Protein backbone atom coordinates (compact mmCIF):
# COMPACT_ATOMS: atom_id res chain seq x y z
CA MET A 1 226.20 50.17 178.12
CA ARG A 2 223.37 48.12 179.62
CA HIS A 3 220.26 49.80 181.05
CA THR A 4 217.69 47.96 183.14
CA VAL A 5 214.11 48.56 182.01
CA ASN A 6 211.90 48.72 185.10
CA PRO A 7 208.23 47.71 185.08
CA LEU A 8 205.85 50.49 184.12
CA ASP A 9 203.88 52.33 186.79
CA ILE A 10 200.29 51.32 187.50
CA GLY A 11 198.09 52.50 184.63
CA GLN A 12 200.91 52.99 182.13
CA THR A 13 200.75 49.41 180.87
CA ALA A 14 197.01 49.68 180.24
CA ASN A 15 197.56 52.94 178.33
CA LEU A 16 200.35 51.35 176.28
CA ILE A 17 198.13 48.41 175.32
CA LEU A 18 195.25 50.69 174.30
CA SER A 19 197.65 52.92 172.36
CA ILE A 20 199.01 50.01 170.29
CA LEU A 21 195.49 48.74 169.66
CA ASN A 22 194.18 52.24 168.82
CA ASP A 23 191.23 51.48 171.13
CA GLN A 24 189.21 54.18 172.84
CA LYS A 25 189.65 54.59 176.58
CA THR A 26 186.14 53.55 177.48
CA PRO A 27 185.55 52.23 181.04
CA GLU A 28 185.09 48.72 179.60
CA ASN A 29 188.33 48.83 177.58
CA LEU A 30 190.27 50.35 180.48
CA GLU A 31 189.12 47.61 182.86
CA ALA A 32 190.06 44.89 180.35
CA ALA A 33 193.48 46.50 179.76
CA ARG A 34 194.07 46.86 183.49
CA SER A 35 193.26 43.17 184.02
CA ILE A 36 195.96 42.33 181.47
CA GLU A 37 198.28 44.84 183.19
CA ARG A 38 197.83 43.03 186.52
CA GLU A 39 198.57 39.69 184.86
CA LEU A 40 201.74 40.94 183.12
CA GLY A 41 203.10 42.96 186.02
CA GLY A 42 203.97 46.03 183.94
CA LEU A 43 206.78 44.57 181.82
CA PRO A 44 207.02 46.85 178.73
CA LEU A 45 208.21 44.21 176.25
CA ALA A 46 205.56 41.72 177.34
CA SER A 47 202.86 44.37 177.17
CA SER A 48 203.85 45.33 173.64
CA GLN A 49 204.03 41.71 172.57
CA ILE A 50 200.59 40.91 173.99
CA ALA A 51 199.00 44.02 172.48
CA CYS A 52 200.37 43.08 169.07
CA TYR A 53 199.11 39.54 169.50
CA ILE A 54 195.61 40.81 170.28
CA GLN A 55 195.81 43.07 167.23
CA GLU A 56 197.01 40.33 164.85
CA THR A 57 194.58 37.64 166.02
CA GLY A 58 191.58 39.93 166.44
CA ILE A 59 190.69 38.14 169.69
CA GLY A 60 189.68 41.38 171.43
CA LEU A 61 190.57 42.83 174.81
CA LYS A 62 187.64 41.32 176.71
CA ASN A 63 188.31 37.79 175.49
CA PHE A 64 192.08 37.80 175.73
CA LEU A 65 192.80 37.08 179.41
CA PRO A 66 190.89 33.75 179.71
CA TYR A 67 192.48 32.68 176.42
CA TYR A 68 195.95 33.73 177.61
CA ARG A 69 195.67 31.67 180.81
CA ARG A 70 194.88 28.60 178.72
CA ARG A 71 197.47 29.16 175.96
CA TRP A 72 200.29 31.22 177.48
CA LYS A 73 203.04 28.82 176.39
CA ARG A 74 202.18 29.01 172.70
CA ILE A 75 201.60 32.78 172.83
CA HIS A 76 205.12 33.44 174.15
CA ARG A 77 206.62 31.14 171.52
CA SER A 78 204.82 32.95 168.70
CA ASP A 79 206.60 35.29 166.28
CA VAL A 80 204.57 38.43 166.83
CA ASN A 81 205.81 41.38 164.75
CA LEU A 82 206.31 44.26 167.13
CA PRO A 83 205.96 47.82 165.83
CA ASP A 84 209.07 49.32 164.23
CA TYR A 85 209.68 51.67 167.15
CA GLN A 86 210.46 48.69 169.37
CA HIS A 87 213.47 47.58 167.27
CA TYR A 88 213.14 44.24 168.93
CA GLN A 89 211.96 40.98 167.38
CA ASP A 90 212.78 38.48 170.10
CA THR A 91 210.06 36.80 172.16
CA LEU A 92 210.48 36.39 175.92
CA THR A 93 211.30 32.74 175.40
CA ASN A 94 214.20 33.63 173.11
CA ILE A 95 215.44 36.18 175.65
CA TRP A 96 215.85 33.45 178.30
CA HIS A 97 217.61 31.15 175.88
CA LEU A 98 219.99 33.93 174.82
CA CYS A 99 220.68 34.96 178.40
CA SER A 100 221.24 31.38 179.56
CA GLN A 101 224.11 31.15 177.07
CA LYS A 102 225.81 34.15 178.70
CA ILE A 103 225.70 32.92 182.30
CA ASP A 104 227.45 30.03 184.00
CA ALA A 105 225.82 26.85 185.32
CA LYS A 106 225.43 28.17 188.87
CA ALA A 107 223.63 31.29 187.69
CA LYS A 108 221.36 29.18 185.51
CA PHE A 109 220.57 26.94 188.50
CA LEU A 110 219.71 30.02 190.56
CA GLY A 111 217.47 31.34 187.77
CA GLU A 112 215.65 28.02 187.55
CA LEU A 113 215.23 27.93 191.33
CA LEU A 114 213.75 31.43 191.34
CA ALA A 115 211.14 30.35 188.79
CA PHE A 116 209.37 28.51 191.63
CA SER A 117 209.34 31.49 194.04
CA GLN A 118 206.80 34.19 194.65
CA PRO A 119 208.33 36.75 192.27
CA ASP A 120 207.74 40.10 193.98
CA ARG A 121 209.93 39.65 197.05
CA ILE A 122 212.52 36.91 197.45
CA PRO A 123 214.48 37.32 200.74
CA LEU A 124 218.24 36.99 200.55
CA THR A 125 218.07 35.01 203.81
CA PHE A 126 216.62 32.08 201.84
CA PHE A 127 220.05 31.68 200.26
CA THR A 128 222.45 32.93 202.93
CA ASN A 129 221.18 30.87 205.90
CA GLN A 130 223.98 28.48 206.81
CA ASP A 131 222.27 26.84 209.81
CA GLU A 132 221.16 23.84 207.73
CA PRO A 133 223.48 23.10 204.77
CA LEU A 134 221.62 21.64 201.79
CA VAL A 135 224.56 20.48 199.71
CA SER A 136 224.41 17.03 201.31
CA LYS A 137 220.87 16.66 199.93
CA ARG A 138 221.48 18.21 196.49
CA PRO A 139 224.94 18.72 194.93
CA ASP A 140 223.67 21.80 193.05
CA PHE A 141 223.23 23.55 196.38
CA ASP A 142 227.01 24.01 196.64
CA LEU A 143 226.08 27.42 195.22
CA LEU A 144 224.75 28.34 198.69
CA GLU A 145 227.75 27.05 200.63
CA ASP A 146 229.91 29.93 199.40
CA GLU A 147 228.53 33.45 199.63
CA PHE A 148 230.89 34.56 196.85
CA ASP A 149 229.41 31.97 194.45
CA PHE A 150 225.85 32.99 195.29
CA LEU A 151 226.49 36.72 194.87
CA SER A 152 228.34 36.04 191.61
CA ALA A 153 225.40 34.02 190.27
CA LYS A 154 222.91 36.70 191.34
CA SER A 155 225.05 39.40 189.74
CA GLN A 156 225.05 37.53 186.42
CA LEU A 157 221.25 37.37 186.45
CA GLU A 158 221.08 41.07 187.28
CA LYS A 159 223.38 41.97 184.39
CA GLN A 160 221.02 40.13 182.05
CA ALA A 161 218.10 42.07 183.60
CA LEU A 162 216.47 38.79 184.69
CA VAL A 163 216.29 39.78 188.36
CA GLN A 164 216.38 43.09 190.17
CA SER A 165 217.65 43.74 193.68
CA ASP A 166 215.77 45.72 196.27
CA ARG A 167 218.68 47.31 198.08
CA ASP A 168 216.60 48.70 200.95
CA SER A 169 215.04 45.44 202.11
CA ASP A 170 217.66 42.72 201.50
CA ALA A 171 215.48 41.07 198.87
CA PHE A 172 215.23 40.82 195.11
CA ARG A 173 212.57 40.03 192.55
CA ILE A 174 212.03 38.33 189.22
CA HIS A 175 209.25 39.05 186.78
CA ARG A 176 206.51 36.42 186.66
CA LEU A 177 206.68 36.21 182.86
CA ILE A 178 210.40 35.46 183.07
CA GLN A 179 209.46 32.72 185.52
CA ALA A 180 206.89 31.39 183.07
CA VAL A 181 209.30 31.08 180.18
CA ILE A 182 211.99 29.50 182.38
CA LEU A 183 209.49 26.85 183.48
CA ASP A 184 208.33 26.43 179.90
CA SER A 185 211.90 25.68 178.82
CA MET A 186 212.26 22.81 181.32
CA PRO A 187 211.39 19.17 180.53
CA LYS A 188 208.88 17.57 182.94
CA ASP A 189 211.52 15.54 184.79
CA HIS A 190 213.66 18.67 185.24
CA ILE A 191 210.68 20.56 186.68
CA GLN A 192 210.29 17.72 189.19
CA VAL A 193 213.91 18.04 190.33
CA ARG A 194 213.86 21.83 190.59
CA PHE A 195 210.50 21.76 192.38
CA GLU A 196 212.04 19.52 195.05
CA ASP A 197 215.02 21.88 195.28
CA ALA A 198 212.68 24.84 195.81
CA VAL A 199 210.78 22.91 198.50
CA LEU A 200 214.03 22.22 200.35
CA LEU A 201 214.98 25.89 200.16
CA VAL A 202 211.67 27.21 201.54
CA LYS A 203 211.39 24.40 204.09
CA ARG A 204 214.82 25.32 205.48
CA ALA A 205 213.73 28.94 205.89
CA PHE A 206 210.37 28.11 207.50
CA PRO A 207 210.28 27.99 211.34
CA LYS A 208 210.53 24.40 212.51
CA VAL A 209 207.61 22.56 214.09
CA THR A 210 208.83 19.70 216.30
CA SER A 211 207.56 17.85 219.35
CA ALA A 212 209.67 20.19 221.46
CA THR A 213 207.88 23.29 220.11
CA LEU A 214 204.31 22.03 220.57
CA PRO A 215 201.95 23.49 221.60
CA ASN A 216 202.14 27.12 220.46
CA ALA A 217 204.80 26.27 217.90
CA TYR A 218 204.65 29.74 216.40
CA LYS A 219 205.30 32.31 219.07
CA SER A 220 204.61 35.88 218.00
CA GLU A 221 208.33 36.54 217.50
CA MET A 222 208.43 33.80 214.85
CA TRP A 223 205.38 34.98 212.93
CA HIS A 224 207.28 37.46 210.74
CA VAL A 225 209.58 34.66 209.52
CA ALA A 226 206.65 32.37 208.72
CA GLN A 227 204.79 35.28 207.10
CA GLU A 228 207.77 35.97 204.85
CA CYS A 229 207.82 32.32 203.74
CA LEU A 230 204.06 32.05 203.21
CA PRO A 231 203.87 33.59 199.68
CA HIS A 232 206.58 31.20 198.52
CA VAL A 233 204.73 28.18 199.92
CA LEU A 234 201.62 29.29 198.03
CA ALA A 235 203.69 29.75 194.86
CA LEU A 236 204.89 26.15 195.21
CA VAL A 237 201.27 25.02 195.56
CA GLN A 238 200.41 26.76 192.28
CA THR A 239 203.37 25.15 190.51
CA TYR A 240 202.50 21.75 191.96
CA GLN A 241 198.96 22.02 190.65
CA LYS A 242 199.92 23.47 187.28
CA PHE A 243 202.64 20.96 186.39
CA ARG A 244 201.23 17.99 188.32
CA VAL A 245 204.47 17.21 190.10
CA SER A 246 204.56 13.59 191.30
CA PRO A 247 203.76 13.57 195.03
CA GLU A 248 205.67 10.35 195.73
CA ASN A 249 208.88 12.16 194.80
CA SER A 250 208.13 15.21 196.93
CA SER A 251 207.99 13.97 200.51
CA GLY A 252 209.12 17.34 201.86
CA PHE A 253 206.24 19.17 200.19
CA PRO A 254 203.33 17.84 202.31
CA ARG A 255 205.41 18.39 205.46
CA LEU A 256 205.96 22.02 204.40
CA LEU A 257 202.22 22.41 203.80
CA SER A 258 201.50 20.91 207.23
CA ASP A 259 203.96 23.27 208.95
CA THR A 260 202.47 26.25 207.09
CA SER A 261 198.94 25.27 208.05
CA TRP A 262 200.04 25.08 211.70
CA TYR A 263 201.34 28.65 211.44
CA LEU A 264 198.06 29.78 209.85
CA TYR A 265 196.13 28.04 212.64
CA GLU A 266 198.24 29.71 215.34
CA ALA A 267 197.75 33.09 213.62
CA GLY A 268 193.97 32.56 213.49
CA HIS A 269 193.66 32.14 209.71
CA PHE A 270 191.49 29.05 210.02
CA GLU A 271 190.01 28.83 206.52
CA ARG A 272 193.38 29.30 204.82
CA ALA A 273 194.84 26.66 207.13
CA LYS A 274 192.08 24.18 206.25
CA ASP A 275 192.67 24.79 202.53
CA LEU A 276 196.36 23.93 202.87
CA LEU A 277 195.57 20.93 205.07
CA GLN A 278 193.29 19.57 202.38
CA LYS A 279 196.11 19.87 199.84
CA ALA A 280 198.63 18.29 202.23
CA GLU A 281 196.34 15.34 202.96
CA ALA A 282 195.83 14.74 199.23
CA VAL A 283 199.61 14.61 198.70
CA CYS A 284 200.48 12.53 201.79
CA GLU A 285 197.75 9.95 201.29
CA HIS A 286 200.07 7.02 202.10
CA ASP A 287 202.10 8.78 204.84
CA ARG A 288 200.04 7.80 207.88
CA PRO A 289 202.06 9.68 210.57
CA LEU A 290 201.94 12.90 208.55
CA LYS A 291 198.28 12.44 207.76
CA ALA A 292 197.58 12.00 211.48
CA SER A 293 199.41 15.29 212.13
CA THR A 294 197.42 17.20 209.50
CA ARG A 295 194.18 15.77 210.87
CA SER A 296 195.15 16.88 214.38
CA ILE A 297 195.57 20.46 213.16
CA ARG A 298 192.19 20.25 211.44
CA ALA A 299 190.67 19.03 214.74
CA LEU A 300 192.18 21.98 216.61
CA ILE A 301 190.61 24.35 214.08
CA TYR A 302 187.24 22.67 214.53
CA HIS A 303 187.70 22.95 218.30
CA HIS A 304 188.35 26.70 218.12
CA GLN A 305 185.43 27.16 215.71
CA ASN A 306 183.26 25.30 218.27
CA PHE A 307 182.59 22.29 216.05
CA GLN A 308 183.35 19.98 218.96
CA LYS A 309 181.81 16.78 217.60
CA GLU A 310 183.86 17.03 214.40
CA ALA A 311 187.00 17.64 216.45
CA MET A 312 186.25 14.72 218.79
CA GLN A 313 185.76 12.31 215.91
CA ILE A 314 189.23 13.12 214.55
CA TRP A 315 190.88 12.95 217.99
CA GLU A 316 189.28 9.60 218.78
CA GLU A 317 190.46 8.16 215.46
CA ASN A 318 193.91 9.66 215.93
CA LEU A 319 194.19 8.27 219.47
CA ALA A 320 193.94 4.73 218.10
CA LEU A 321 196.27 5.58 215.22
CA ARG A 322 198.91 7.18 217.50
CA ARG A 323 198.96 4.07 219.68
CA GLU A 324 199.36 1.88 216.61
CA LEU A 325 202.08 4.01 215.03
CA HIS A 326 204.06 5.18 218.07
CA GLY A 327 203.13 2.98 221.02
CA GLU A 328 201.28 3.74 224.24
CA SER A 329 204.10 5.82 225.76
CA HIS A 330 204.31 8.42 222.98
CA PHE A 331 203.59 11.98 224.15
CA LEU A 332 200.96 12.47 221.42
CA VAL A 333 198.80 9.81 223.08
CA GLY A 334 198.60 11.99 226.21
CA GLN A 335 198.04 15.05 224.03
CA ASN A 336 195.06 13.37 222.33
CA LEU A 337 193.52 12.48 225.69
CA CYS A 338 193.82 16.07 226.90
CA ASN A 339 192.39 17.37 223.61
CA LEU A 340 189.35 15.14 224.09
CA ALA A 341 189.00 16.51 227.62
CA ALA A 342 188.87 20.04 226.19
CA ALA A 343 186.21 19.07 223.65
CA TYR A 344 184.00 17.56 226.33
CA GLY A 345 184.58 20.65 228.45
CA GLU A 346 183.30 22.88 225.64
CA LEU A 347 180.23 20.64 225.34
CA GLY A 348 179.59 20.97 229.08
CA ASP A 349 180.09 17.28 229.87
CA MET A 350 182.33 17.73 232.91
CA ASN A 351 182.28 14.06 233.89
CA LYS A 352 183.94 13.03 230.62
CA CYS A 353 186.08 16.15 230.60
CA ARG A 354 187.42 15.26 234.05
CA ASP A 355 187.90 11.59 233.07
CA PHE A 356 189.93 12.33 229.92
CA PHE A 357 191.92 15.05 231.68
CA LYS A 358 192.93 12.67 234.48
CA ARG A 359 193.87 9.98 231.94
CA GLY A 360 195.90 12.46 229.91
CA GLN A 361 197.77 13.85 232.89
CA ALA A 362 198.38 10.36 234.32
CA HIS A 363 199.84 9.36 230.95
CA ARG A 364 202.21 12.34 230.98
CA GLU A 365 203.20 11.86 234.62
CA THR A 366 204.00 8.20 233.90
CA HIS A 367 205.80 8.53 230.57
CA HIS A 368 206.97 12.18 230.46
CA PRO A 369 207.30 13.38 234.08
CA LYS A 370 209.95 15.99 233.21
CA ASP A 371 207.59 17.91 230.87
CA LEU A 372 206.47 20.11 233.77
CA SER A 373 205.50 23.13 231.67
CA ASP A 374 203.24 20.96 229.54
CA LEU A 375 201.66 19.38 232.62
CA ALA A 376 201.14 22.86 234.09
CA LEU A 377 199.56 24.09 230.86
CA HIS A 378 196.97 21.29 230.82
CA ASP A 379 196.26 21.87 234.51
CA ARG A 380 195.58 25.50 233.65
CA ASN A 381 193.30 24.58 230.76
CA PHE A 382 191.29 22.12 232.84
CA SER A 383 190.95 24.61 235.68
CA SER A 384 189.31 27.10 233.31
CA TYR A 385 186.48 24.62 232.69
CA LEU A 386 186.14 23.96 236.41
CA ILE A 387 185.84 27.70 237.06
CA HIS A 388 183.37 28.16 234.22
CA TYR A 389 181.05 25.46 235.56
CA GLY A 390 181.37 26.50 239.20
CA TYR A 391 183.73 23.83 240.62
CA PHE A 392 185.73 26.46 242.48
CA LYS A 393 187.32 24.34 245.22
CA GLU A 394 188.50 21.73 242.74
CA ALA A 395 189.74 24.51 240.43
CA GLU A 396 191.78 26.07 243.24
CA ILE A 397 193.59 22.76 243.85
CA ILE A 398 194.36 22.34 240.13
CA VAL A 399 195.54 25.96 239.73
CA GLN A 400 197.82 25.61 242.74
CA ARG A 401 199.32 22.44 241.26
CA SER A 402 199.83 24.28 238.00
CA LEU A 403 201.69 27.07 239.79
CA ASP A 404 203.87 24.57 241.67
CA ARG A 405 204.83 22.93 238.41
CA TYR A 406 205.66 26.28 236.83
CA ARG A 407 207.85 27.16 239.77
CA GLN A 408 209.66 23.83 239.47
CA CYS A 409 210.51 24.43 235.83
CA GLU A 410 211.17 28.15 236.39
CA ASN A 411 208.64 29.01 233.69
CA GLU A 412 206.05 30.84 235.75
CA ASP A 413 204.41 33.53 233.57
CA GLY A 414 201.81 34.98 235.90
CA PHE A 415 198.80 33.48 234.14
CA GLY A 416 198.11 31.14 237.03
CA PHE A 417 197.92 34.04 239.50
CA ASN A 418 195.12 35.56 237.45
CA GLN A 419 193.24 32.27 237.71
CA ILE A 420 193.64 32.18 241.49
CA GLU A 421 192.20 35.71 241.65
CA LEU A 422 189.18 34.48 239.71
CA VAL A 423 188.76 31.55 242.11
CA GLU A 424 188.98 33.86 245.13
CA LYS A 425 186.33 36.13 243.62
């Protein structure tokens, strides 16, 4: 009979480590043991193994964690003699090798894929979403084309106690140390392939950002989906940095980072968005269209943080780049012109604000006359600057035009009526 050993409760791992080491429960020792507990995630076997390693090497509790982060691969390969009461001599690395011999190729593929995920909560929807089949991109993804095959593979991993299902939330989890030894068992070129597979999986689950969804790509109803994907994007970033995956072979990765940063921007997490943008720009150095997109998001963040000159510099550079890459008629050219109008409006230069606004709207009316909701939105934005600086008559004309456009596209949301009330006041 097989019994799954769950992680220990908070505090139990620290007590186990101190018990094996015969160390006193001083505040200093408890804090050091709890730091190790947080790193190991409460796995009993790993905790015992680490405690015995500390005991045999004499490295000490306080010094262990920095050493472990530098040398974790060799530590888990080591033959540490566990106490007799454990009746278990295998290291975690050997456990994965033994288990991989008892599961089929599809289950092994799933296990390798999970090694790149955030381990604590992996949604089943990542694997059961059939809206965008991935088998055409990777033959191994035939596992996800048949729900029976996926559930069979997951069941094999569960029987080997490599993953554990969370029945109440349609998710499952894998221990981070199991992830570590799976990654350690892969050659560098295999890590590259599986990393790209994991990027495809998370990218499929992440809400799409396209020209049709801009602006406000992440409506509030989509935030929970993006939020669920966010930990897995960050886990991919850690793997990318740790194993130095080749960026030229991971074209989907910078796009995923760009999409995630847009979500963080929309949700108001500006500093986290800028951090991801910096990583995306480093990866997509030679992808000029994508780099222009990441820089546009950075400019919007600057704009909302009231760093208008920094935002304007990016938008002016991007305006020239958009024309070069896409041609004069591309909608992003008009978008850049309207963005520059907003920056000048924030700076109080209404002459230039008005000039860039008129150029932007003329561009849209010429090249994209059917985008009435977008035209109405920019009318609304410009009218707010007119109201702020006291151009009430001009604002009333622009607000009325905005309302007319909303009525034409049957997308009137009431916001324009509030602006008219302000004008009347």
